Each structure stands twice: as structure tokens, then as C-alpha cells.
Amino acid sequence: MIAVIGLIIGVVLGLVLNPSMPVALQPYLPIMIMAALDALFGAARAYLGHTFSDKVFVVSFLSNVAIAGLMVWMGDQIGVGAQLSTAVVVVLGIRIFTNMAAIRRALLHV
């Protein structure tokens, strides 16, 4: 419940304060959002499977975001940023859809 309250507070603060992202960090934001969504859907799947752990969620969330951002940054450094970004989005997208399928099966009992 604390996480949901924190999420709501964060969204409200984001809407009220309207923060701006530095131009240098803008290419990394979509990848980090995908990584965060992957962690959130993984947590929902674990919750429905009665295996959720808040410590695992926090570590997964932070490490997913950091690793995805680091991979894209490394790709930019060696000149293949766009290709590596696409690869990261594809992998995270597959994981998100896999977790959503498991969530759907758990909720609909099919």
C-alpha cells in the first residue's frame, strides 16, 4: 500500500511541479521507463503468485533502470546507441507482455 501511495504522490508532484529533463538525459528516459514498467509488472505477477517480496522488488526496480540506462549509455559511447536502445526495448517489451499474460491467466483463472 505504501508503494501505491508513493506512486500517487509522485504523479501528483510531477503534474504540479512540471519538472524538466536535461537534454543530455532525454534519450535514456524511454528506456528507463520501460525498465521500470518491467519491474512493476513483474511485481504484480509475483504478488498474484504469492511470491512477492518488497526487497526483491526494490532491488529489481533500481537495478533494471540502472542497467537499462547503462546499456544505452554504453551504446552511445561506442556509436551503436540506437541499435542497442532498440534491443533493450524489444527485450523489455517481451518481458512485459510475458508478465501481462501471466497476470491475465492468474486473474481470469484460464
PDB file of N, CA and C in Angstrom:
ATOM      1  N   MET A   1       0.824  -1.191   0.000  1.00  0.00           N
ATOM      2  CA  MET A   1       0.000   0.000   0.000  1.00  0.00           C
ATOM      3  C   MET A   1       0.868   1.255   0.000  1.00  0.00           C
ATOM      4  N   ILE A   2       2.001   1.187   0.681  1.00  0.00           N
ATOM      5  CA  ILE A   2       2.896   2.334   0.735  1.00  0.00           C
ATOM      6  C   ILE A   2       3.398   2.676  -0.663  1.00  0.00           C
ATOM      7  N   ALA A   3       3.682   1.643  -1.465  1.00  0.00           N
ATOM      8  CA  ALA A   3       4.166   1.881  -2.825  1.00  0.00           C
ATOM      9  C   ALA A   3       3.114   2.593  -3.661  1.00  0.00           C
ATOM     10  N   VAL A   4       1.856   2.217  -3.518  1.00  0.00           N
ATOM     11  CA  VAL A   4       0.775   2.856  -4.284  1.00  0.00           C
ATOM     12  C   VAL A   4       0.633   4.318  -3.863  1.00  0.00           C
ATOM     13  N   ILE A   5       0.706   4.572  -2.568  1.00  0.00           N
ATOM     14  CA  ILE A   5       0.627   5.952  -2.071  1.00  0.00           C
ATOM     15  C   ILE A   5       1.803   6.766  -2.605  1.00  0.00           C
ATOM     16  N   GLY A   6       2.993   6.167  -2.582  1.00  0.00           N
ATOM     17  CA  GLY A   6       4.174   6.841  -3.109  1.00  0.00           C
ATOM     18  C   GLY A   6       4.043   7.143  -4.591  1.00  0.00           C
ATOM     19  N   LEU A   7       3.480   6.196  -5.330  1.00  0.00           N
ATOM     20  CA  LEU A   7       3.258   6.399  -6.758  1.00  0.00           C
ATOM     21  C   LEU A   7       2.292   7.553  -7.003  1.00  0.00           C
ATOM     22  N   ILE A   8       1.213   7.592  -6.262  1.00  0.00           N
ATOM     23  CA  ILE A   8       0.225   8.663  -6.413  1.00  0.00           C
ATOM     24  C   ILE A   8       0.849  10.011  -6.070  1.00  0.00           C
ATOM     25  N   ILE A   9       1.600  10.077  -4.973  1.00  0.00           N
ATOM     26  CA  ILE A   9       2.262  11.322  -4.581  1.00  0.00           C
ATOM     27  C   ILE A   9       3.252  11.760  -5.661  1.00  0.00           C
ATOM     28  N   GLY A  10       3.999  10.804  -6.206  1.00  0.00           N
ATOM     29  CA  GLY A  10       4.964  11.127  -7.259  1.00  0.00           C
ATOM     30  C   GLY A  10       4.303  11.660  -8.509  1.00  0.00           C
ATOM     31  N   VAL A  11       3.199  11.063  -8.908  1.00  0.00           N
ATOM     32  CA  VAL A  11       2.482  11.539 -10.097  1.00  0.00           C
ATOM     33  C   VAL A  11       1.928  12.936  -9.854  1.00  0.00           C
ATOM     34  N   VAL A  12       1.337  13.163  -8.695  1.00  0.00           N
ATOM     35  CA  VAL A  12       0.783  14.487  -8.385  1.00  0.00           C
ATOM     36  C   VAL A  12       1.901  15.532  -8.359  1.00  0.00           C
ATOM     37  N   LEU A  13       3.025  15.220  -7.716  1.00  0.00           N
ATOM     38  CA  LEU A  13       4.142  16.166  -7.690  1.00  0.00           C
ATOM     39  C   LEU A  13       4.669  16.447  -9.097  1.00  0.00           C
ATOM     40  N   GLY A  14       4.733  15.416  -9.926  1.00  0.00           N
ATOM     41  CA  GLY A  14       5.183  15.605 -11.296  1.00  0.00           C
ATOM     42  C   GLY A  14       4.257  16.507 -12.090  1.00  0.00           C
ATOM     43  N   LEU A  15       2.961  16.364 -11.870  1.00  0.00           N
ATOM     44  CA  LEU A  15       2.000  17.205 -12.580  1.00  0.00           C
ATOM     45  C   LEU A  15       2.023  18.640 -12.074  1.00  0.00           C
ATOM     46  N   VAL A  16       2.186  18.809 -10.765  1.00  0.00           N
ATOM     47  CA  VAL A  16       2.171  20.150 -10.179  1.00  0.00           C
ATOM     48  C   VAL A  16       3.474  20.895 -10.470  1.00  0.00           C
ATOM     49  N   LEU A  17       4.616  20.234 -10.255  1.00  0.00           N
ATOM     50  CA  LEU A  17       5.914  20.900 -10.398  1.00  0.00           C
ATOM     51  C   LEU A  17       6.393  20.974 -11.840  1.00  0.00           C
ATOM     52  N   ASN A  18       5.889  20.093 -12.708  1.00  0.00           N
ATOM     53  CA  ASN A  18       6.255  20.060 -14.122  1.00  0.00           C
ATOM     54  C   ASN A  18       7.777  20.123 -14.313  1.00  0.00           C
ATOM     55  N   PRO A  19       8.502  19.130 -13.811  1.00  0.00           N
ATOM     56  CA  PRO A  19       9.965  19.182 -13.917  1.00  0.00           C
ATOM     57  C   PRO A  19      10.434  19.024 -15.357  1.00  0.00           C
ATOM     58  N   SER A  20      11.603  19.572 -15.649  1.00  0.00           N
ATOM     59  CA  SER A  20      12.171  19.430 -16.989  1.00  0.00           C
ATOM     60  C   SER A  20      13.376  18.502 -16.912  1.00  0.00           C
ATOM     61  N   MET A  21      13.573  17.752 -17.976  1.00  0.00           N
ATOM     62  CA  MET A  21      14.681  16.809 -18.036  1.00  0.00           C
ATOM     63  C   MET A  21      15.802  17.445 -18.849  1.00  0.00           C
ATOM     64  N   PRO A  22      17.040  17.348 -18.370  1.00  0.00           N
ATOM     65  CA  PRO A  22      18.154  17.869 -19.163  1.00  0.00           C
ATOM     66  C   PRO A  22      18.219  17.164 -20.520  1.00  0.00           C
ATOM     67  N   VAL A  23      18.582  17.913 -21.547  1.00  0.00           N
ATOM     68  CA  VAL A  23      18.613  17.392 -22.911  1.00  0.00           C
ATOM     69  C   VAL A  23      19.532  16.171 -23.012  1.00  0.00           C
ATOM     70  N   ALA A  24      20.618  16.163 -22.263  1.00  0.00           N
ATOM     71  CA  ALA A  24      21.574  15.055 -22.330  1.00  0.00           C
ATOM     72  C   ALA A  24      20.981  13.743 -21.819  1.00  0.00           C
ATOM     73  N   LEU A  25      19.997  13.824 -20.941  1.00  0.00           N
ATOM     74  CA  LEU A  25      19.399  12.614 -20.368  1.00  0.00           C
ATOM     75  C   LEU A  25      18.138  12.156 -21.099  1.00  0.00           C
ATOM     76  N   GLN A  26      17.613  12.953 -21.992  1.00  0.00           N
ATOM     77  CA  GLN A  26      16.358  12.626 -22.660  1.00  0.00           C
ATOM     78  C   GLN A  26      16.383  11.316 -23.450  1.00  0.00           C
ATOM     79  N   PRO A  27      17.479  10.933 -24.108  1.00  0.00           N
ATOM     80  CA  PRO A  27      17.460   9.653 -24.825  1.00  0.00           C
ATOM     81  C   PRO A  27      17.325   8.436 -23.899  1.00  0.00           C
ATOM     82  N   TYR A  28      17.669   8.602 -22.635  1.00  0.00           N
ATOM     83  CA  TYR A  28      17.654   7.477 -21.698  1.00  0.00           C
ATOM     84  C   TYR A  28      16.306   7.298 -21.012  1.00  0.00           C
ATOM     85  N   LEU A  29      15.488   8.334 -20.994  1.00  0.00           N
ATOM     86  CA  LEU A  29      14.214   8.282 -20.270  1.00  0.00           C
ATOM     87  C   LEU A  29      13.270   7.188 -20.768  1.00  0.00           C
ATOM     88  N   PRO A  30      13.032   7.040 -22.076  1.00  0.00           N
ATOM     89  CA  PRO A  30      12.106   5.977 -22.510  1.00  0.00           C
ATOM     90  C   PRO A  30      12.580   4.579 -22.112  1.00  0.00           C
ATOM     91  N   ILE A  31      13.881   4.347 -22.184  1.00  0.00           N
ATOM     92  CA  ILE A  31      14.418   3.038 -21.815  1.00  0.00           C
ATOM     93  C   ILE A  31      14.243   2.804 -20.324  1.00  0.00           C
ATOM     94  N   MET A  32      14.502   3.827 -19.531  1.00  0.00           N
ATOM     95  CA  MET A  32      14.340   3.687 -18.080  1.00  0.00           C
ATOM     96  C   MET A  32      12.876   3.473 -17.699  1.00  0.00           C
ATOM     97  N   ILE A  33      11.966   4.114 -18.421  1.00  0.00           N
ATOM     98  CA  ILE A  33      10.539   3.907 -18.157  1.00  0.00           C
ATOM     99  C   ILE A  33      10.145   2.472 -18.492  1.00  0.00           C
ATOM    100  N   MET A  34      10.646   1.961 -19.607  1.00  0.00           N
ATOM    101  CA  MET A  34      10.366   0.559 -19.973  1.00  0.00           C
ATOM    102  C   MET A  34      10.895  -0.392 -18.900  1.00  0.00           C
ATOM    103  N   ALA A  35      12.095  -0.125 -18.393  1.00  0.00           N
ATOM    104  CA  ALA A  35      12.676  -0.975 -17.354  1.00  0.00           C
ATOM    105  C   ALA A  35      11.855  -0.898 -16.071  1.00  0.00           C
ATOM    106  N   ALA A  36      11.379   0.298 -15.734  1.00  0.00           N
ATOM    107  CA  ALA A  36      10.542   0.448 -14.546  1.00  0.00           C
ATOM    108  C   ALA A  36       9.218  -0.288 -14.708  1.00  0.00           C
ATOM    109  N   LEU A  37       8.617  -0.195 -15.900  1.00  0.00           N
ATOM    110  CA  LEU A  37       7.366  -0.925 -16.155  1.00  0.00           C
ATOM    111  C   LEU A  37       7.581  -2.434 -16.062  1.00  0.00           C
ATOM    112  N   ASP A  38       8.716  -2.906 -16.552  1.00  0.00           N
ATOM    113  CA  ASP A  38       9.033  -4.324 -16.455  1.00  0.00           C
ATOM    114  C   ASP A  38       9.074  -4.760 -14.994  1.00  0.00           C
ATOM    115  N   ALA A  39       9.718  -3.963 -14.146  1.00  0.00           N
ATOM    116  CA  ALA A  39       9.784  -4.300 -12.723  1.00  0.00           C
ATOM    117  C   ALA A  39       8.395  -4.259 -12.082  1.00  0.00           C
ATOM    118  N   LEU A  40       7.584  -3.274 -12.463  1.00  0.00           N
ATOM    119  CA  LEU A  40       6.236  -3.170 -11.886  1.00  0.00           C
ATOM    120  C   LEU A  40       5.352  -4.347 -12.281  1.00  0.00           C
ATOM    121  N   PHE A  41       5.387  -4.722 -13.560  1.00  0.00           N
ATOM    122  CA  PHE A  41       4.570  -5.857 -13.988  1.00  0.00           C
ATOM    123  C   PHE A  41       5.104  -7.168 -13.402  1.00  0.00           C
ATOM    124  N   GLY A  42       6.411  -7.264 -13.239  1.00  0.00           N
ATOM    125  CA  GLY A  42       6.979  -8.443 -12.574  1.00  0.00           C
ATOM    126  C   GLY A  42       6.531  -8.527 -11.127  1.00  0.00           C
ATOM    127  N   ALA A  43       6.450  -7.375 -10.464  1.00  0.00           N
ATOM    128  CA  ALA A  43       5.976  -7.347  -9.081  1.00  0.00           C
ATOM    129  C   ALA A  43       4.507  -7.742  -8.988  1.00  0.00           C
ATOM    130  N   ALA A  44       3.707  -7.260  -9.938  1.00  0.00           N
ATOM    131  CA  ALA A  44       2.285  -7.638  -9.950  1.00  0.00           C
ATOM    132  C   ALA A  44       2.126  -9.133 -10.158  1.00  0.00           C
ATOM    133  N   ARG A  45       2.932  -9.681 -11.055  1.00  0.00           N
ATOM    134  CA  ARG A  45       2.884 -11.127 -11.298  1.00  0.00           C
ATOM    135  C   ARG A  45       3.281 -11.896 -10.045  1.00  0.00           C
ATOM    136  N   ALA A  46       4.334 -11.450  -9.370  1.00  0.00           N
ATOM    137  CA  ALA A  46       4.780 -12.118  -8.143  1.00  0.00           C
ATOM    138  C   ALA A  46       3.719 -11.995  -7.045  1.00  0.00           C
ATOM    139  N   TYR A  47       3.065 -10.839  -6.962  1.00  0.00           N
ATOM    140  CA  TYR A  47       2.017 -10.653  -5.960  1.00  0.00           C
ATOM    141  C   TYR A  47       0.875 -11.629  -6.179  1.00  0.00           C
ATOM    142  N   LEU A  48       0.450 -11.764  -7.428  1.00  0.00           N
ATOM    143  CA  LEU A  48      -0.636 -12.693  -7.726  1.00  0.00           C
ATOM    144  C   LEU A  48      -0.222 -14.143  -7.521  1.00  0.00           C
ATOM    145  N   GLY A  49       1.073 -14.422  -7.654  1.00  0.00           N
ATOM    146  CA  GLY A  49       1.586 -15.770  -7.424  1.00  0.00           C
ATOM    147  C   GLY A  49       1.997 -16.019  -5.982  1.00  0.00           C
ATOM    148  N   HIS A  50       1.716 -15.026  -5.107  1.00  0.00           N
ATOM    149  CA  HIS A  50       2.026 -15.121  -3.684  1.00  0.00           C
ATOM    150  C   HIS A  50       3.518 -15.319  -3.428  1.00  0.00           C
ATOM    151  N   THR A  51       4.369 -14.737  -4.269  1.00  0.00           N
ATOM    152  CA  THR A  51       5.812 -14.810  -4.074  1.00  0.00           C
ATOM    153  C   THR A  51       6.435 -13.421  -4.021  1.00  0.00           C
ATOM    154  N   PHE A  52       5.633 -12.383  -3.810  1.00  0.00           N
ATOM    155  CA  PHE A  52       6.124 -11.014  -3.816  1.00  0.00           C
ATOM    156  C   PHE A  52       6.988 -10.746  -2.595  1.00  0.00           C
ATOM    157  N   SER A  53       8.103 -10.062  -2.829  1.00  0.00           N
ATOM    158  CA  SER A  53       8.984  -9.608  -1.757  1.00  0.00           C
ATOM    159  C   SER A  53       9.318  -8.148  -2.027  1.00  0.00           C
ATOM    160  N   ASP A  54       9.087  -7.300  -1.037  1.00  0.00           N
ATOM    161  CA  ASP A  54       9.354  -5.879  -1.254  1.00  0.00           C
ATOM    162  C   ASP A  54      10.832  -5.596  -1.489  1.00  0.00           C
ATOM    163  N   LYS A  55      11.701  -6.344  -0.833  1.00  0.00           N
ATOM    164  CA  LYS A  55      13.143  -6.142  -1.032  1.00  0.00           C
ATOM    165  C   LYS A  55      13.547  -6.529  -2.449  1.00  0.00           C
ATOM    166  N   VAL A  56      13.029  -7.636  -2.934  1.00  0.00           N
ATOM    167  CA  VAL A  56      13.328  -8.066  -4.302  1.00  0.00           C
ATOM    168  C   VAL A  56      12.790  -7.044  -5.295  1.00  0.00           C
ATOM    169  N   PHE A  57      11.607  -6.499  -5.025  1.00  0.00           N
ATOM    170  CA  PHE A  57      11.031  -5.506  -5.917  1.00  0.00           C
ATOM    171  C   PHE A  57      11.895  -4.258  -6.003  1.00  0.00           C
ATOM    172  N   VAL A  58      12.328  -3.737  -4.860  1.00  0.00           N
ATOM    173  CA  VAL A  58      13.134  -2.513  -4.849  1.00  0.00           C
ATOM    174  C   VAL A  58      14.455  -2.744  -5.581  1.00  0.00           C
ATOM    175  N   VAL A  59      15.113  -3.864  -5.297  1.00  0.00           N
ATOM    176  CA  VAL A  59      16.381  -4.168  -5.967  1.00  0.00           C
ATOM    177  C   VAL A  59      16.155  -4.362  -7.462  1.00  0.00           C
ATOM    178  N   SER A  60      15.098  -5.066  -7.821  1.00  0.00           N
ATOM    179  CA  SER A  60      14.788  -5.291  -9.232  1.00  0.00           C
ATOM    180  C   SER A  60      14.492  -3.976  -9.945  1.00  0.00           C
ATOM    181  N   PHE A  61      13.691  -3.139  -9.329  1.00  0.00           N
ATOM    182  CA  PHE A  61      13.321  -1.857  -9.926  1.00  0.00           C
ATOM    183  C   PHE A  61      14.559  -1.001 -10.174  1.00  0.00           C
ATOM    184  N   LEU A  62      15.370  -0.807  -9.144  1.00  0.00           N
ATOM    185  CA  LEU A  62      16.546   0.043  -9.266  1.00  0.00           C
ATOM    186  C   LEU A  62      17.582  -0.541 -10.218  1.00  0.00           C
ATOM    187  N   SER A  63      17.809  -1.851 -10.123  1.00  0.00           N
ATOM    188  CA  SER A  63      18.826  -2.454 -10.992  1.00  0.00           C
ATOM    189  C   SER A  63      18.359  -2.491 -12.447  1.00  0.00           C
ATOM    190  N   ASN A  64      17.082  -2.754 -12.711  1.00  0.00           N
ATOM    191  CA  ASN A  64      16.568  -2.731 -14.087  1.00  0.00           C
ATOM    192  C   ASN A  64      16.769  -1.356 -14.716  1.00  0.00           C
ATOM    193  N   VAL A  65      16.396  -0.322 -13.984  1.00  0.00           N
ATOM    194  CA  VAL A  65      16.519   1.040 -14.508  1.00  0.00           C
ATOM    195  C   VAL A  65      17.986   1.394 -14.734  1.00  0.00           C
ATOM    196  N   ALA A  66      18.835   1.074 -13.762  1.00  0.00           N
ATOM    197  CA  ALA A  66      20.257   1.406 -13.878  1.00  0.00           C
ATOM    198  C   ALA A  66      20.921   0.637 -15.018  1.00  0.00           C
ATOM    199  N   ILE A  67      20.649  -0.648 -15.118  1.00  0.00           N
ATOM    200  CA  ILE A  67      21.279  -1.461 -16.165  1.00  0.00           C
ATOM    201  C   ILE A  67      20.796  -1.037 -17.550  1.00  0.00           C
ATOM    202  N   ALA A  68      19.510  -0.783 -17.692  1.00  0.00           N
ATOM    203  CA  ALA A  68      18.995  -0.352 -18.996  1.00  0.00           C
ATOM    204  C   ALA A  68      19.615   0.980 -19.402  1.00  0.00           C
ATOM    205  N   GLY A  69      19.668   1.920 -18.476  1.00  0.00           N
ATOM    206  CA  GLY A  69      20.292   3.214 -18.766  1.00  0.00           C
ATOM    207  C   GLY A  69      21.767   3.069 -19.095  1.00  0.00           C
ATOM    208  N   LEU A  70      22.468   2.215 -18.349  1.00  0.00           N
ATOM    209  CA  LEU A  70      23.895   1.983 -18.591  1.00  0.00           C
ATOM    210  C   LEU A  70      24.139   1.339 -19.954  1.00  0.00           C
ATOM    211  N   MET A  71      23.277   0.403 -20.326  1.00  0.00           N
ATOM    212  CA  MET A  71      23.435  -0.239 -21.634  1.00  0.00           C
ATOM    213  C   MET A  71      23.269   0.767 -22.769  1.00  0.00           C
ATOM    214  N   VAL A  72      22.298   1.634 -22.667  1.00  0.00           N
ATOM    215  CA  VAL A  72      22.084   2.632 -23.711  1.00  0.00           C
ATOM    216  C   VAL A  72      23.239   3.638 -23.718  1.00  0.00           C
ATOM    217  N   TRP A  73      23.712   4.025 -22.553  1.00  0.00           N
ATOM    218  CA  TRP A  73      24.849   4.945 -22.486  1.00  0.00           C
ATOM    219  C   TRP A  73      26.088   4.316 -23.121  1.00  0.00           C
ATOM    220  N   MET A  74      26.336   3.048 -22.821  1.00  0.00           N
ATOM    221  CA  MET A  74      27.486   2.365 -23.429  1.00  0.00           C
ATOM    222  C   MET A  74      27.321   2.286 -24.943  1.00  0.00           C
ATOM    223  N   GLY A  75      26.114   2.026 -25.402  1.00  0.00           N
ATOM    224  CA  GLY A  75      25.853   2.001 -26.839  1.00  0.00           C
ATOM    225  C   GLY A  75      26.136   3.344 -27.477  1.00  0.00           C
ATOM    226  N   ASP A  76      25.752   4.425 -26.793  1.00  0.00           N
ATOM    227  CA  ASP A  76      26.056   5.760 -27.303  1.00  0.00           C
ATOM    228  C   ASP A  76      27.563   5.995 -27.376  1.00  0.00           C
ATOM    229  N   GLN A  77      28.277   5.488 -26.390  1.00  0.00           N
ATOM    230  CA  GLN A  77      29.731   5.697 -26.350  1.00  0.00           C
ATOM    231  C   GLN A  77      30.446   4.983 -27.495  1.00  0.00           C
ATOM    232  N   ILE A  78      29.937   3.834 -27.906  1.00  0.00           N
ATOM    233  CA  ILE A  78      30.609   3.088 -28.974  1.00  0.00           C
ATOM    234  C   ILE A  78      29.942   3.288 -30.336  1.00  0.00           C
ATOM    235  N   GLY A  79      28.919   4.157 -30.370  1.00  0.00           N
ATOM    236  CA  GLY A  79      28.315   4.515 -31.647  1.00  0.00           C
ATOM    237  C   GLY A  79      27.174   3.641 -32.116  1.00  0.00           C
ATOM    238  N   VAL A  80      26.634   2.805 -31.257  1.00  0.00           N
ATOM    239  CA  VAL A  80      25.508   1.943 -31.642  1.00  0.00           C
ATOM    240  C   VAL A  80      24.320   2.161 -30.701  1.00  0.00           C
ATOM    241  N   GLY A  81      24.158   3.409 -30.247  1.00  0.00           N
ATOM    242  CA  GLY A  81      23.112   3.711 -29.265  1.00  0.00           C
ATOM    243  C   GLY A  81      21.719   3.367 -29.736  1.00  0.00           C
ATOM    244  N   ALA A  82      21.396   3.702 -30.981  1.00  0.00           N
ATOM    245  CA  ALA A  82      20.042   3.445 -31.488  1.00  0.00           C
ATOM    246  C   ALA A  82      19.759   1.950 -31.569  1.00  0.00           C
ATOM    247  N   GLN A  83      20.741   1.183 -32.050  1.00  0.00           N
ATOM    248  CA  GLN A  83      20.543  -0.261 -32.173  1.00  0.00           C
ATOM    249  C   GLN A  83      20.415  -0.915 -30.797  1.00  0.00           C
ATOM    250  N   LEU A  84      21.244  -0.466 -29.860  1.00  0.00           N
ATOM    251  CA  LEU A  84      21.177  -1.050 -28.519  1.00  0.00           C
ATOM    252  C   LEU A  84      19.893  -0.636 -27.814  1.00  0.00           C
ATOM    253  N   SER A  85      19.441   0.583 -28.037  1.00  0.00           N
ATOM    254  CA  SER A  85      18.169   1.025 -27.465  1.00  0.00           C
ATOM    255  C   SER A  85      17.028   0.159 -27.986  1.00  0.00           C
ATOM    256  N   THR A  86      17.040  -0.119 -29.278  1.00  0.00           N
ATOM    257  CA  THR A  86      16.008  -0.973 -29.868  1.00  0.00           C
ATOM    258  C   THR A  86      16.046  -2.371 -29.254  1.00  0.00           C
ATOM    259  N   ALA A  87      17.231  -2.911 -29.086  1.00  0.00           N
ATOM    260  CA  ALA A  87      17.358  -4.244 -28.493  1.00  0.00           C
ATOM    261  C   ALA A  87      16.827  -4.267 -27.070  1.00  0.00           C
ATOM    262  N   VAL A  88      17.138  -3.241 -26.291  1.00  0.00           N
ATOM    263  CA  VAL A  88      16.665  -3.176 -24.901  1.00  0.00           C
ATOM    264  C   VAL A  88      15.145  -3.061 -24.869  1.00  0.00           C
ATOM    265  N   VAL A  89      14.575  -2.231 -25.739  1.00  0.00           N
ATOM    266  CA  VAL A  89      13.117  -2.073 -25.786  1.00  0.00           C
ATOM    267  C   VAL A  89      12.447  -3.388 -26.170  1.00  0.00           C
ATOM    268  N   VAL A  90      13.015  -4.105 -27.129  1.00  0.00           N
ATOM    269  CA  VAL A  90      12.435  -5.385 -27.551  1.00  0.00           C
ATOM    270  C   VAL A  90      12.452  -6.381 -26.391  1.00  0.00           C
ATOM    271  N   VAL A  91      13.589  -6.505 -25.722  1.00  0.00           N
ATOM    272  CA  VAL A  91      13.700  -7.465 -24.613  1.00  0.00           C
ATOM    273  C   VAL A  91      12.742  -7.092 -23.485  1.00  0.00           C
ATOM    274  N   LEU A  92      12.728  -5.813 -23.104  1.00  0.00           N
ATOM    275  CA  LEU A  92      11.829  -5.398 -22.025  1.00  0.00           C
ATOM    276  C   LEU A  92      10.372  -5.537 -22.440  1.00  0.00           C
ATOM    277  N   GLY A  93      10.065  -5.249 -23.705  1.00  0.00           N
ATOM    278  CA  GLY A  93       8.699  -5.422 -24.197  1.00  0.00           C
ATOM    279  C   GLY A  93       8.248  -6.867 -24.122  1.00  0.00           C
ATOM    280  N   ILE A  94       9.127  -7.778 -24.492  1.00  0.00           N
ATOM    281  CA  ILE A  94       8.796  -9.204 -24.406  1.00  0.00           C
ATOM    282  C   ILE A  94       8.530  -9.592 -22.962  1.00  0.00           C
ATOM    283  N   ARG A  95       9.381  -9.109 -22.049  1.00  0.00           N
ATOM    284  CA  ARG A  95       9.191  -9.429 -20.626  1.00  0.00           C
ATOM    285  C   ARG A  95       7.878  -8.848 -20.098  1.00  0.00           C
ATOM    286  N   ILE A  96       7.550  -7.630 -20.514  1.00  0.00           N
ATOM    287  CA  ILE A  96       6.304  -7.004 -20.059  1.00  0.00           C
ATOM    288  C   ILE A  96       5.105  -7.792 -20.569  1.00  0.00           C
ATOM    289  N   PHE A  97       5.104  -8.161 -21.847  1.00  0.00           N
ATOM    290  CA  PHE A  97       3.984  -8.923 -22.392  1.00  0.00           C
ATOM    291  C   PHE A  97       3.896 -10.318 -21.756  1.00  0.00           C
ATOM    292  N   THR A  98       5.025 -10.929 -21.454  1.00  0.00           N
ATOM    293  CA  THR A  98       5.013 -12.233 -20.774  1.00  0.00           C
ATOM    294  C   THR A  98       4.405 -12.102 -19.385  1.00  0.00           C
ATOM    295  N   ASN A  99       4.808 -11.062 -18.652  1.00  0.00           N
ATOM    296  CA  ASN A  99       4.238 -10.839 -17.321  1.00  0.00           C
ATOM    297  C   ASN A  99       2.750 -10.527 -17.412  1.00  0.00           C
ATOM    298  N   MET A 100       2.344  -9.742 -18.415  1.00  0.00           N
ATOM    299  CA  MET A 100       0.922  -9.431 -18.572  1.00  0.00           C
ATOM    300  C   MET A 100       0.105 -10.681 -18.882  1.00  0.00           C
ATOM    301  N   ALA A 101       0.669 -11.574 -19.676  1.00  0.00           N
ATOM    302  CA  ALA A 101      -0.037 -12.828 -19.967  1.00  0.00           C
ATOM    303  C   ALA A 101      -0.212 -13.648 -18.696  1.00  0.00           C
ATOM    304  N   ALA A 102       0.819 -13.707 -17.869  1.00  0.00           N
ATOM    305  CA  ALA A 102       0.717 -14.442 -16.608  1.00  0.00           C
ATOM    306  C   ALA A 102      -0.284 -13.790 -15.658  1.00  0.00           C
ATOM    307  N   ILE A 103      -0.301 -12.459 -15.629  1.00  0.00           N
ATOM    308  CA  ILE A 103      -1.261 -11.741 -14.792  1.00  0.00           C
ATOM    309  C   ILE A 103      -2.689 -12.012 -15.266  1.00  0.00           C
ATOM    310  N   ARG A 104      -2.876 -11.958 -16.572  1.00  0.00           N
ATOM    311  CA  ARG A 104      -4.206 -12.230 -17.148  1.00  0.00           C
ATOM    312  C   ARG A 104      -4.667 -13.642 -16.804  1.00  0.00           C
ATOM    313  N   ARG A 105      -3.750 -14.616 -16.927  1.00  0.00           N
ATOM    314  CA  ARG A 105      -4.110 -16.005 -16.580  1.00  0.00           C
ATOM    315  C   ARG A 105      -4.456 -16.134 -15.105  1.00  0.00           C
ATOM    316  N   ALA A 106      -3.701 -15.439 -14.253  1.00  0.00           N
ATOM    317  CA  ALA A 106      -3.965 -15.518 -12.810  1.00  0.00           C
ATOM    318  C   ALA A 106      -5.298 -14.866 -12.452  1.00  0.00           C
ATOM    319  N   LEU A 107      -5.617 -13.751 -13.104  1.00  0.00           N
ATOM    320  CA  LEU A 107      -6.870 -13.061 -12.793  1.00  0.00           C
ATOM    321  C   LEU A 107      -8.084 -13.752 -13.372  1.00  0.00           C
ATOM    322  N   LEU A 108      -7.946 -14.314 -14.560  1.00  0.00           N
ATOM    323  CA  LEU A 108      -9.088 -14.949 -15.227  1.00  0.00           C
ATOM    324  C   LEU A 108      -9.150 -16.452 -14.980  1.00  0.00           C
ATOM    325  N   HIS A 109      -8.121 -16.987 -14.323  1.00  0.00           N
ATOM    326  CA  HIS A 109      -8.068 -18.413 -13.989  1.00  0.00           C
ATOM    327  C   HIS A 109      -8.213 -19.299 -15.214  1.00  0.00           C
ATOM    328  N   VAL A 110      -7.504 -18.935 -16.287  1.00  0.00           N
ATOM    329  CA  VAL A 110      -7.535 -19.752 -17.505  1.00  0.00           C
ATOM    330  C   VAL A 110      -6.146 -20.265 -17.820  1.00  0.00           C
TER     331      VAL A 110
END
